[in-house]
Amino acid sequence: MEYGYGGGTTSVLHGGQDQTDRDFTIQDFKNGERNVLIATSVAARGLDCKSVVLVVNYSTPDHLEDYVHRIGRTGRAGNVGVAYTFITPDEEDKADDLCKALKQSGQEVPADLARLAEEHRMRVNMGLARKHKKGGFGGHGFKFTDAEKSRQQKERQEAKKTFGIGDNEEEREEFPTEDIENPLAPSPAPPLPSR
């Protein structure tokens, strides 16, 4: 899927696409045929495009590690890059991680972000909020259990179940395949005419 805007072209990249579509989308972006790529976290790892100069996080990543991988798509190979992350008061539990990432990279922490992180710490101390769980850190690694799945992943799974989208291993029926003819198999030679 692609969209146009004021002289440029935009492609989308997400986990709902089959692998071939994702590969073509990435190749078009790397080749400069598309100059804007709107992507889910599927592009956070393994996408190496040296020409990327800007990353915009429309939603705040759930884990500091995801944030680092997302913004790591820009400023590669010694090039300068810029990353913006939108964060709302509803995501205040992630503000402290963003502050830490900015400090560790030698960047200035915006006053609004520091204030949001401090407000969340105060709410945690008063028992009005929970401390953000840092999945994937603390030397324990990411276990890939249901408890560690992000809020977005759970919502996505529920939506898929509700609308019957995707491949659900539990609901998959087993079909016998031995009776199905292979349409790509060579056809038997026609019988020779009898004399």
N, C-alpha and C. Protein backbone atom coordinates (compact mmCIF):
# COMPACT_ATOMS: atom_id res chain seq x y z
N MET A 1 0.85 -1.16 0.00
CA MET A 1 0.00 0.00 0.00
C MET A 1 0.89 1.23 0.00
N GLU A 2 0.57 2.21 -0.81
CA GLU A 2 1.37 3.42 -0.82
C GLU A 2 0.48 4.64 -0.91
N TYR A 3 0.99 5.73 -0.39
CA TYR A 3 0.26 6.98 -0.37
C TYR A 3 1.16 8.07 -0.91
N GLY A 4 0.58 9.06 -1.56
CA GLY A 4 1.37 10.17 -2.06
C GLY A 4 1.12 11.42 -1.24
N TYR A 5 2.08 12.31 -1.23
CA TYR A 5 1.94 13.59 -0.57
C TYR A 5 2.90 14.55 -1.26
N GLY A 6 2.60 15.79 -1.34
CA GLY A 6 3.43 16.86 -1.86
C GLY A 6 4.75 16.48 -2.50
N GLY A 7 4.76 15.65 -3.51
CA GLY A 7 5.98 15.33 -4.21
C GLY A 7 6.70 14.09 -3.74
N GLY A 8 6.21 13.43 -2.73
CA GLY A 8 6.87 12.23 -2.24
C GLY A 8 5.93 11.05 -2.22
N THR A 9 6.48 9.91 -1.92
CA THR A 9 5.66 8.71 -1.82
C THR A 9 5.90 8.05 -0.47
N THR A 10 4.85 7.49 0.06
CA THR A 10 4.89 6.87 1.37
C THR A 10 4.46 5.42 1.27
N SER A 11 5.19 4.55 1.92
CA SER A 11 4.82 3.14 2.00
C SER A 11 4.57 2.78 3.45
N VAL A 12 3.83 1.69 3.64
CA VAL A 12 3.58 1.20 5.00
C VAL A 12 4.20 -0.18 5.16
N LEU A 13 4.62 -0.46 6.38
CA LEU A 13 5.25 -1.74 6.69
C LEU A 13 4.70 -2.21 8.03
N HIS A 14 4.09 -3.39 8.03
CA HIS A 14 3.52 -3.92 9.28
C HIS A 14 3.49 -5.44 9.23
N GLY A 15 3.29 -6.03 10.39
CA GLY A 15 3.30 -7.48 10.52
C GLY A 15 2.15 -8.17 9.83
N GLY A 16 1.10 -7.45 9.44
CA GLY A 16 -0.03 -8.04 8.75
C GLY A 16 0.25 -8.32 7.28
N GLN A 17 1.35 -7.80 6.77
CA GLN A 17 1.73 -8.04 5.38
C GLN A 17 2.46 -9.37 5.29
N ASP A 18 2.35 -10.01 4.13
CA ASP A 18 3.14 -11.23 3.98
C ASP A 18 4.59 -10.83 3.75
N GLN A 19 5.48 -11.77 3.94
CA GLN A 19 6.92 -11.48 3.92
C GLN A 19 7.37 -10.89 2.59
N THR A 20 6.80 -11.35 1.49
CA THR A 20 7.19 -10.83 0.18
C THR A 20 6.86 -9.35 0.07
N ASP A 21 5.66 -8.96 0.51
CA ASP A 21 5.28 -7.54 0.48
C ASP A 21 6.21 -6.71 1.35
N ARG A 22 6.53 -7.22 2.54
CA ARG A 22 7.45 -6.49 3.42
C ARG A 22 8.81 -6.33 2.76
N ASP A 23 9.31 -7.39 2.13
CA ASP A 23 10.61 -7.33 1.47
C ASP A 23 10.62 -6.28 0.35
N PHE A 24 9.57 -6.27 -0.48
CA PHE A 24 9.49 -5.29 -1.56
C PHE A 24 9.39 -3.87 -1.01
N THR A 25 8.61 -3.69 0.05
CA THR A 25 8.47 -2.37 0.66
C THR A 25 9.82 -1.86 1.17
N ILE A 26 10.54 -2.73 1.86
CA ILE A 26 11.86 -2.35 2.38
C ILE A 26 12.83 -2.04 1.24
N GLN A 27 12.81 -2.87 0.20
CA GLN A 27 13.71 -2.65 -0.93
C GLN A 27 13.40 -1.33 -1.63
N ASP A 28 12.12 -1.02 -1.84
CA ASP A 28 11.74 0.25 -2.46
C ASP A 28 12.22 1.43 -1.62
N PHE A 29 12.11 1.30 -0.29
CA PHE A 29 12.56 2.37 0.60
C PHE A 29 14.08 2.51 0.54
N LYS A 30 14.79 1.41 0.59
CA LYS A 30 16.25 1.45 0.54
C LYS A 30 16.75 2.03 -0.78
N ASN A 31 16.06 1.70 -1.88
CA ASN A 31 16.46 2.19 -3.20
C ASN A 31 16.06 3.63 -3.46
N GLY A 32 15.30 4.23 -2.54
CA GLY A 32 14.87 5.62 -2.71
C GLY A 32 13.63 5.78 -3.56
N GLU A 33 12.99 4.67 -3.95
CA GLU A 33 11.76 4.77 -4.73
C GLU A 33 10.61 5.29 -3.87
N ARG A 34 10.69 5.09 -2.58
CA ARG A 34 9.75 5.62 -1.60
C ARG A 34 10.59 6.37 -0.58
N ASN A 35 10.16 7.58 -0.20
CA ASN A 35 11.00 8.35 0.71
C ASN A 35 10.44 8.48 2.12
N VAL A 36 9.25 7.94 2.37
CA VAL A 36 8.68 7.91 3.72
C VAL A 36 8.17 6.50 3.98
N LEU A 37 8.53 5.96 5.13
CA LEU A 37 8.09 4.62 5.51
C LEU A 37 7.37 4.73 6.84
N ILE A 38 6.09 4.38 6.85
CA ILE A 38 5.31 4.34 8.09
C ILE A 38 5.28 2.88 8.51
N ALA A 39 5.83 2.61 9.70
CA ALA A 39 6.01 1.21 10.09
C ALA A 39 5.64 0.98 11.55
N THR A 40 5.22 -0.24 11.81
CA THR A 40 5.04 -0.69 13.19
C THR A 40 6.40 -1.13 13.70
N SER A 41 6.44 -1.68 14.89
CA SER A 41 7.72 -2.11 15.46
C SER A 41 8.37 -3.24 14.67
N VAL A 42 7.68 -3.77 13.66
CA VAL A 42 8.28 -4.80 12.81
C VAL A 42 9.55 -4.27 12.15
N ALA A 43 9.65 -2.95 12.01
CA ALA A 43 10.83 -2.35 11.39
C ALA A 43 11.89 -1.94 12.40
N ALA A 44 11.65 -2.19 13.67
CA ALA A 44 12.58 -1.73 14.71
C ALA A 44 13.92 -2.45 14.66
N ARG A 45 13.93 -3.68 14.21
CA ARG A 45 15.17 -4.45 14.17
C ARG A 45 15.44 -4.93 12.76
N GLY A 46 16.69 -4.98 12.41
CA GLY A 46 17.08 -5.59 11.15
C GLY A 46 16.93 -4.71 9.93
N LEU A 47 16.44 -3.50 10.08
CA LEU A 47 16.29 -2.60 8.94
C LEU A 47 17.48 -1.65 8.93
N ASP A 48 18.36 -1.81 7.97
CA ASP A 48 19.57 -1.00 7.91
C ASP A 48 19.55 -0.14 6.65
N CYS A 49 19.06 1.07 6.79
CA CYS A 49 19.03 2.03 5.69
C CYS A 49 19.86 3.23 6.12
N LYS A 50 21.03 3.37 5.57
CA LYS A 50 21.94 4.43 5.99
C LYS A 50 21.41 5.83 5.72
N SER A 51 20.44 5.96 4.82
CA SER A 51 19.94 7.28 4.45
C SER A 51 18.82 7.78 5.36
N VAL A 52 18.40 7.01 6.34
CA VAL A 52 17.32 7.45 7.23
C VAL A 52 17.84 8.57 8.13
N VAL A 53 17.17 9.72 8.08
CA VAL A 53 17.59 10.86 8.88
C VAL A 53 16.57 11.24 9.94
N LEU A 54 15.39 10.64 9.89
CA LEU A 54 14.34 11.00 10.85
C LEU A 54 13.50 9.78 11.20
N VAL A 55 13.27 9.59 12.50
CA VAL A 55 12.35 8.57 13.00
C VAL A 55 11.36 9.28 13.90
N VAL A 56 10.07 9.02 13.68
CA VAL A 56 9.02 9.59 14.53
C VAL A 56 8.28 8.44 15.17
N ASN A 57 8.31 8.39 16.50
CA ASN A 57 7.55 7.39 17.25
C ASN A 57 6.19 7.99 17.58
N TYR A 58 5.18 7.54 16.85
CA TYR A 58 3.83 8.05 17.09
C TYR A 58 3.30 7.57 18.43
N SER A 59 3.67 6.36 18.82
CA SER A 59 3.29 5.84 20.13
C SER A 59 4.57 5.49 20.88
N THR A 60 4.53 5.65 22.18
CA THR A 60 5.71 5.39 23.00
C THR A 60 5.91 3.89 23.14
N PRO A 61 7.11 3.41 22.86
CA PRO A 61 7.37 1.97 23.02
C PRO A 61 7.16 1.53 24.46
N ASP A 62 6.76 0.28 24.64
CA ASP A 62 6.50 -0.25 25.98
C ASP A 62 7.78 -0.53 26.75
N HIS A 63 8.87 -0.78 26.06
CA HIS A 63 10.11 -1.16 26.72
C HIS A 63 11.23 -0.26 26.23
N LEU A 64 12.15 0.06 27.11
CA LEU A 64 13.29 0.89 26.75
C LEU A 64 14.06 0.26 25.60
N GLU A 65 14.19 -1.06 25.60
CA GLU A 65 14.90 -1.75 24.53
C GLU A 65 14.23 -1.50 23.18
N ASP A 66 12.89 -1.53 23.13
CA ASP A 66 12.17 -1.24 21.89
C ASP A 66 12.44 0.19 21.43
N TYR A 67 12.46 1.12 22.39
CA TYR A 67 12.73 2.52 22.06
C TYR A 67 14.11 2.65 21.42
N VAL A 68 15.10 2.04 22.03
CA VAL A 68 16.47 2.11 21.52
C VAL A 68 16.55 1.53 20.10
N HIS A 69 15.88 0.41 19.87
CA HIS A 69 15.91 -0.20 18.53
C HIS A 69 15.17 0.66 17.52
N ARG A 70 14.05 1.26 17.91
CA ARG A 70 13.31 2.10 16.97
C ARG A 70 14.14 3.31 16.55
N ILE A 71 14.68 4.04 17.52
CA ILE A 71 15.43 5.24 17.16
C ILE A 71 16.77 4.90 16.52
N GLY A 72 17.21 3.67 16.70
CA GLY A 72 18.46 3.23 16.10
C GLY A 72 18.39 3.08 14.60
N ARG A 73 17.22 3.29 14.00
CA ARG A 73 17.10 3.21 12.54
C ARG A 73 17.66 4.47 11.89
N THR A 74 17.90 5.52 12.68
CA THR A 74 18.42 6.77 12.12
C THR A 74 19.82 7.04 12.66
N GLY A 75 20.56 7.86 11.95
CA GLY A 75 21.90 8.21 12.39
C GLY A 75 22.87 7.04 12.34
N ARG A 76 22.72 6.19 11.36
CA ARG A 76 23.58 5.00 11.26
C ARG A 76 24.87 5.32 10.51
N ALA A 77 25.86 4.51 10.77
CA ALA A 77 27.16 4.60 10.08
C ALA A 77 27.77 6.00 10.20
N GLY A 78 27.65 6.60 11.38
CA GLY A 78 28.25 7.90 11.61
C GLY A 78 27.46 9.08 11.07
N ASN A 79 26.30 8.83 10.47
CA ASN A 79 25.47 9.91 9.96
C ASN A 79 24.65 10.53 11.08
N VAL A 80 24.23 11.76 10.87
CA VAL A 80 23.39 12.46 11.85
C VAL A 80 21.95 12.02 11.65
N GLY A 81 21.25 11.82 12.76
CA GLY A 81 19.84 11.45 12.69
C GLY A 81 19.06 12.11 13.81
N VAL A 82 17.76 12.23 13.61
CA VAL A 82 16.88 12.85 14.59
C VAL A 82 15.73 11.90 14.87
N ALA A 83 15.34 11.80 16.14
CA ALA A 83 14.19 10.97 16.51
C ALA A 83 13.26 11.79 17.39
N TYR A 84 11.97 11.73 17.09
CA TYR A 84 10.94 12.36 17.90
C TYR A 84 10.05 11.26 18.45
N THR A 85 9.61 11.42 19.68
CA THR A 85 8.67 10.47 20.28
C THR A 85 7.52 11.25 20.88
N PHE A 86 6.31 10.92 20.45
CA PHE A 86 5.12 11.51 21.04
C PHE A 86 4.78 10.73 22.31
N ILE A 87 4.49 11.45 23.38
CA ILE A 87 4.09 10.80 24.63
C ILE A 87 2.95 11.61 25.22
N THR A 88 1.94 10.92 25.70
CA THR A 88 0.77 11.58 26.29
C THR A 88 0.74 11.31 27.79
N PRO A 89 -0.05 12.08 28.54
CA PRO A 89 -0.17 11.82 29.98
C PRO A 89 -0.61 10.39 30.30
N ASP A 90 -1.35 9.75 29.40
CA ASP A 90 -1.77 8.36 29.61
C ASP A 90 -0.58 7.41 29.61
N GLU A 91 0.54 7.84 29.05
CA GLU A 91 1.73 7.01 28.96
C GLU A 91 2.81 7.46 29.94
N GLU A 92 2.39 8.13 31.01
CA GLU A 92 3.36 8.69 31.96
C GLU A 92 4.28 7.64 32.56
N ASP A 93 3.83 6.39 32.62
CA ASP A 93 4.67 5.35 33.20
C ASP A 93 5.90 5.05 32.35
N LYS A 94 5.92 5.53 31.12
CA LYS A 94 7.06 5.30 30.23
C LYS A 94 8.00 6.50 30.18
N ALA A 95 7.61 7.60 30.81
CA ALA A 95 8.39 8.84 30.75
C ALA A 95 9.77 8.69 31.38
N ASP A 96 9.86 7.96 32.48
CA ASP A 96 11.14 7.80 33.16
C ASP A 96 12.15 7.07 32.26
N ASP A 97 11.69 6.04 31.55
CA ASP A 97 12.58 5.32 30.62
C ASP A 97 13.10 6.25 29.52
N LEU A 98 12.21 7.10 29.00
CA LEU A 98 12.63 8.03 27.95
C LEU A 98 13.66 9.03 28.49
N CYS A 99 13.43 9.50 29.72
CA CYS A 99 14.40 10.42 30.35
C CYS A 99 15.76 9.74 30.48
N LYS A 100 15.76 8.50 30.93
CA LYS A 100 17.03 7.77 31.09
C LYS A 100 17.74 7.60 29.75
N ALA A 101 16.98 7.25 28.72
CA ALA A 101 17.58 7.05 27.39
C ALA A 101 18.20 8.35 26.89
N LEU A 102 17.51 9.45 27.08
CA LEU A 102 18.04 10.74 26.63
C LEU A 102 19.31 11.11 27.40
N LYS A 103 19.28 10.92 28.72
CA LYS A 103 20.46 11.24 29.53
C LYS A 103 21.65 10.37 29.13
N GLN A 104 21.40 9.07 28.93
CA GLN A 104 22.49 8.15 28.57
C GLN A 104 23.11 8.49 27.22
N SER A 105 22.31 9.08 26.34
CA SER A 105 22.83 9.43 25.01
C SER A 105 23.35 10.87 24.96
N GLY A 106 23.40 11.53 26.11
CA GLY A 106 23.93 12.88 26.17
C GLY A 106 23.00 13.94 25.63
N GLN A 107 21.71 13.63 25.56
CA GLN A 107 20.72 14.58 25.05
C GLN A 107 20.06 15.32 26.20
N GLU A 108 19.52 16.47 25.90
CA GLU A 108 18.80 17.26 26.89
C GLU A 108 17.40 16.66 27.08
N VAL A 109 16.97 16.55 28.33
CA VAL A 109 15.63 16.03 28.64
C VAL A 109 14.67 17.22 28.63
N PRO A 110 13.65 17.20 27.76
CA PRO A 110 12.68 18.29 27.74
C PRO A 110 11.99 18.43 29.10
N ALA A 111 11.74 19.67 29.50
CA ALA A 111 11.13 19.94 30.81
C ALA A 111 9.78 19.24 30.97
N ASP A 112 8.97 19.23 29.92
CA ASP A 112 7.66 18.57 30.00
C ASP A 112 7.79 17.08 30.26
N LEU A 113 8.79 16.46 29.64
CA LEU A 113 9.00 15.02 29.84
C LEU A 113 9.49 14.75 31.26
N ALA A 114 10.42 15.57 31.74
CA ALA A 114 10.92 15.41 33.12
C ALA A 114 9.79 15.59 34.12
N ARG A 115 8.93 16.56 33.86
CA ARG A 115 7.78 16.81 34.75
C ARG A 115 6.82 15.62 34.74
N LEU A 116 6.57 15.05 33.56
CA LEU A 116 5.69 13.89 33.45
C LEU A 116 6.26 12.70 34.22
N ALA A 117 7.56 12.49 34.11
CA ALA A 117 8.22 11.39 34.84
C ALA A 117 8.13 11.62 36.35
N GLU A 118 8.35 12.86 36.78
CA GLU A 118 8.29 13.17 38.22
C GLU A 118 6.86 13.01 38.75
N GLU A 119 5.87 13.45 37.98
CA GLU A 119 4.47 13.29 38.40
C GLU A 119 4.13 11.81 38.56
N HIS A 120 4.64 10.99 37.66
CA HIS A 120 4.36 9.56 37.76
C HIS A 120 5.02 8.96 39.00
N ARG A 121 6.27 9.35 39.26
CA ARG A 121 6.95 8.85 40.47
C ARG A 121 6.18 9.24 41.72
N MET A 122 5.66 10.46 41.76
CA MET A 122 4.87 10.91 42.92
C MET A 122 3.60 10.08 43.05
N ARG A 123 2.93 9.81 41.92
CA ARG A 123 1.70 9.02 41.96
C ARG A 123 1.99 7.59 42.42
N VAL A 124 3.14 7.04 42.02
CA VAL A 124 3.53 5.70 42.48
C VAL A 124 3.75 5.72 43.98
N ASN A 125 4.48 6.72 44.48
CA ASN A 125 4.75 6.83 45.92
C ASN A 125 3.48 7.00 46.74
N MET A 126 2.46 7.63 46.16
CA MET A 126 1.18 7.83 46.86
C MET A 126 0.26 6.62 46.70
N GLY A 127 0.68 5.63 45.91
CA GLY A 127 -0.15 4.45 45.70
C GLY A 127 -1.24 4.65 44.67
N LEU A 128 -1.16 5.71 43.89
CA LEU A 128 -2.18 6.02 42.89
C LEU A 128 -1.85 5.46 41.50
N ALA A 129 -0.63 4.98 41.34
CA ALA A 129 -0.20 4.43 40.05
C ALA A 129 0.80 3.32 40.32
N ARG A 130 1.01 2.52 39.29
CA ARG A 130 1.98 1.43 39.38
C ARG A 130 3.25 1.82 38.66
N LYS A 131 4.35 1.30 39.17
CA LYS A 131 5.64 1.52 38.52
C LYS A 131 5.66 0.74 37.21
N HIS A 132 6.24 1.36 36.19
CA HIS A 132 6.33 0.72 34.87
C HIS A 132 7.24 -0.49 34.95
N LYS A 133 6.75 -1.62 34.47
CA LYS A 133 7.57 -2.84 34.44
C LYS A 133 8.51 -2.76 33.26
N LYS A 134 9.74 -3.03 33.51
CA LYS A 134 10.77 -2.94 32.48
C LYS A 134 11.07 -4.32 31.93
N GLY A 135 10.22 -4.84 31.08
CA GLY A 135 10.46 -6.15 30.49
C GLY A 135 11.74 -6.16 29.69
N GLY A 136 12.49 -7.23 29.83
CA GLY A 136 13.69 -7.38 29.03
C GLY A 136 14.95 -6.82 29.67
N PHE A 137 14.85 -6.27 30.88
CA PHE A 137 16.04 -5.72 31.54
C PHE A 137 16.22 -6.35 32.90
N GLY A 138 17.28 -6.00 33.58
CA GLY A 138 17.55 -6.53 34.90
C GLY A 138 18.29 -7.85 34.86
N GLY A 139 18.83 -8.23 33.71
CA GLY A 139 19.61 -9.45 33.61
C GLY A 139 18.77 -10.71 33.48
N HIS A 140 17.47 -10.58 33.42
CA HIS A 140 16.62 -11.76 33.34
C HIS A 140 16.19 -12.07 31.92
N GLY A 141 16.32 -11.13 31.02
CA GLY A 141 15.93 -11.36 29.64
C GLY A 141 14.43 -11.35 29.45
N PHE A 142 14.01 -11.36 28.22
CA PHE A 142 12.59 -11.38 27.88
C PHE A 142 12.16 -12.82 27.75
N LYS A 143 11.16 -13.23 28.52
CA LYS A 143 10.76 -14.63 28.56
C LYS A 143 9.69 -15.00 27.54
N PHE A 144 9.09 -14.01 26.89
CA PHE A 144 8.04 -14.23 25.91
C PHE A 144 6.83 -14.94 26.52
N THR A 145 6.52 -14.63 27.76
CA THR A 145 5.33 -15.18 28.40
C THR A 145 4.19 -14.21 28.21
N ASP A 146 2.95 -14.69 28.47
CA ASP A 146 1.79 -13.81 28.35
C ASP A 146 1.90 -12.60 29.26
N ALA A 147 2.50 -12.78 30.44
CA ALA A 147 2.62 -11.68 31.39
C ALA A 147 3.49 -10.55 30.85
N GLU A 148 4.41 -10.87 29.96
CA GLU A 148 5.34 -9.86 29.45
C GLU A 148 4.90 -9.24 28.13
N LYS A 149 3.80 -9.71 27.56
CA LYS A 149 3.35 -9.14 26.30
C LYS A 149 2.88 -7.71 26.54
N SER A 150 3.18 -6.85 25.61
CA SER A 150 2.81 -5.46 25.76
C SER A 150 1.31 -5.27 25.61
N ARG A 151 0.85 -4.13 26.07
CA ARG A 151 -0.56 -3.79 25.97
C ARG A 151 -1.01 -3.81 24.51
N GLN A 152 -0.20 -3.28 23.62
CA GLN A 152 -0.57 -3.27 22.20
C GLN A 152 -0.69 -4.67 21.64
N GLN A 153 0.21 -5.57 22.04
CA GLN A 153 0.16 -6.94 21.54
C GLN A 153 -1.12 -7.62 22.00
N LYS A 154 -1.50 -7.42 23.25
CA LYS A 154 -2.72 -8.04 23.76
C LYS A 154 -3.94 -7.49 23.04
N GLU A 155 -3.98 -6.16 22.85
CA GLU A 155 -5.11 -5.57 22.14
C GLU A 155 -5.18 -6.08 20.71
N ARG A 156 -4.03 -6.21 20.06
CA ARG A 156 -3.98 -6.71 18.69
C ARG A 156 -4.50 -8.14 18.61
N GLN A 157 -4.09 -8.97 19.58
CA GLN A 157 -4.55 -10.36 19.60
C GLN A 157 -6.06 -10.43 19.79
N GLU A 158 -6.58 -9.61 20.70
CA GLU A 158 -8.03 -9.60 20.94
C GLU A 158 -8.78 -9.16 19.69
N ALA A 159 -8.28 -8.14 19.01
CA ALA A 159 -8.93 -7.67 17.79
C ALA A 159 -8.91 -8.76 16.72
N LYS A 160 -7.79 -9.46 16.60
CA LYS A 160 -7.71 -10.54 15.62
C LYS A 160 -8.72 -11.63 15.92
N LYS A 161 -8.86 -11.98 17.21
CA LYS A 161 -9.84 -13.00 17.59
C LYS A 161 -11.25 -12.52 17.28
N THR A 162 -11.53 -11.27 17.65
CA THR A 162 -12.87 -10.71 17.46
C THR A 162 -13.27 -10.71 15.99
N PHE A 163 -12.33 -10.31 15.12
CA PHE A 163 -12.65 -10.19 13.71
C PHE A 163 -12.22 -11.39 12.88
N GLY A 164 -11.69 -12.41 13.53
CA GLY A 164 -11.29 -13.62 12.81
C GLY A 164 -10.15 -13.40 11.85
N ILE A 165 -9.22 -12.53 12.22
CA ILE A 165 -8.09 -12.22 11.35
C ILE A 165 -6.87 -13.00 11.82
N GLY A 166 -6.05 -13.41 10.88
CA GLY A 166 -4.79 -14.04 11.24
C GLY A 166 -4.90 -15.54 11.33
N ASP A 167 -3.81 -16.12 11.75
CA ASP A 167 -3.69 -17.57 11.82
C ASP A 167 -3.63 -17.97 13.27
N ASN A 168 -4.66 -18.63 13.76
CA ASN A 168 -4.68 -19.06 15.14
C ASN A 168 -4.41 -20.55 15.19
N GLU A 169 -3.28 -20.93 15.74
CA GLU A 169 -2.87 -22.33 15.81
C GLU A 169 -3.93 -23.21 16.47
N GLU A 170 -4.57 -22.68 17.54
CA GLU A 170 -5.52 -23.49 18.30
C GLU A 170 -6.78 -23.80 17.49
N GLU A 171 -7.17 -22.86 16.61
CA GLU A 171 -8.41 -23.04 15.87
C GLU A 171 -8.19 -23.71 14.52
N ARG A 172 -6.95 -23.97 14.15
CA ARG A 172 -6.66 -24.53 12.85
C ARG A 172 -7.11 -25.99 12.80
N GLU A 173 -7.85 -26.34 11.75
CA GLU A 173 -8.27 -27.72 11.57
C GLU A 173 -7.21 -28.45 10.77
N GLU A 174 -7.08 -29.72 11.06
CA GLU A 174 -6.14 -30.53 10.28
C GLU A 174 -6.89 -31.13 9.10
N PHE A 175 -6.36 -30.93 7.92
CA PHE A 175 -6.96 -31.47 6.71
C PHE A 175 -6.04 -32.55 6.15
N PRO A 176 -6.61 -33.67 5.71
CA PRO A 176 -5.75 -34.68 5.09
C PRO A 176 -5.21 -34.14 3.77
N THR A 177 -3.93 -34.29 3.56
CA THR A 177 -3.33 -33.75 2.34
C THR A 177 -2.94 -34.84 1.35
N GLU A 178 -2.98 -36.08 1.79
CA GLU A 178 -2.52 -37.13 0.88
C GLU A 178 -3.44 -37.32 -0.32
N ASP A 179 -4.71 -36.89 -0.24
CA ASP A 179 -5.64 -37.06 -1.35
C ASP A 179 -5.64 -35.87 -2.31
N ILE A 180 -4.90 -34.83 -1.98
CA ILE A 180 -4.90 -33.62 -2.80
C ILE A 180 -3.81 -33.74 -3.85
N GLU A 181 -4.20 -33.47 -5.11
CA GLU A 181 -3.22 -33.53 -6.19
C GLU A 181 -2.39 -32.26 -6.20
N ASN A 182 -1.14 -32.41 -6.51
CA ASN A 182 -0.24 -31.27 -6.60
C ASN A 182 -0.41 -30.65 -7.99
N PRO A 183 -0.91 -29.41 -8.07
CA PRO A 183 -1.13 -28.80 -9.39
C PRO A 183 0.18 -28.50 -10.12
N LEU A 184 1.29 -28.49 -9.42
CA LEU A 184 2.58 -28.20 -10.05
C LEU A 184 3.32 -29.46 -10.47
N ALA A 185 2.79 -30.62 -10.09
CA ALA A 185 3.45 -31.88 -10.44
C ALA A 185 3.32 -32.11 -11.94
N PRO A 186 4.33 -32.73 -12.55
CA PRO A 186 4.23 -32.99 -13.99
C PRO A 186 3.08 -33.95 -14.29
N SER A 187 2.42 -33.68 -15.38
CA SER A 187 1.31 -34.53 -15.78
C SER A 187 1.86 -35.84 -16.33
N PRO A 188 1.12 -36.93 -16.12
CA PRO A 188 1.59 -38.19 -16.71
C PRO A 188 1.52 -38.07 -18.23
N ALA A 189 2.42 -38.75 -18.88
CA ALA A 189 2.46 -38.71 -20.35
C ALA A 189 1.18 -39.34 -20.89
N PRO A 190 0.64 -38.77 -21.97
CA PRO A 190 -0.57 -39.35 -22.54
C PRO A 190 -0.25 -40.74 -23.11
N PRO A 191 -1.23 -41.63 -23.10
CA PRO A 191 -0.97 -42.97 -23.62
C PRO A 191 -0.68 -42.91 -25.12
N LEU A 192 0.19 -43.81 -25.55
CA LEU A 192 0.52 -43.88 -26.97
C LEU A 192 -0.65 -44.50 -27.72
N PRO A 193 -0.89 -44.03 -28.93
CA PRO A 193 -2.01 -44.62 -29.69
C PRO A 193 -1.71 -46.09 -29.99
N SER A 194 -2.72 -46.90 -29.90
CA SER A 194 -2.54 -48.33 -30.17
C SER A 194 -2.57 -48.58 -31.67
N ARG A 195 -1.91 -49.60 -32.14
CA ARG A 195 -1.81 -49.90 -33.57
C ARG A 195 -2.72 -50.99 -33.96
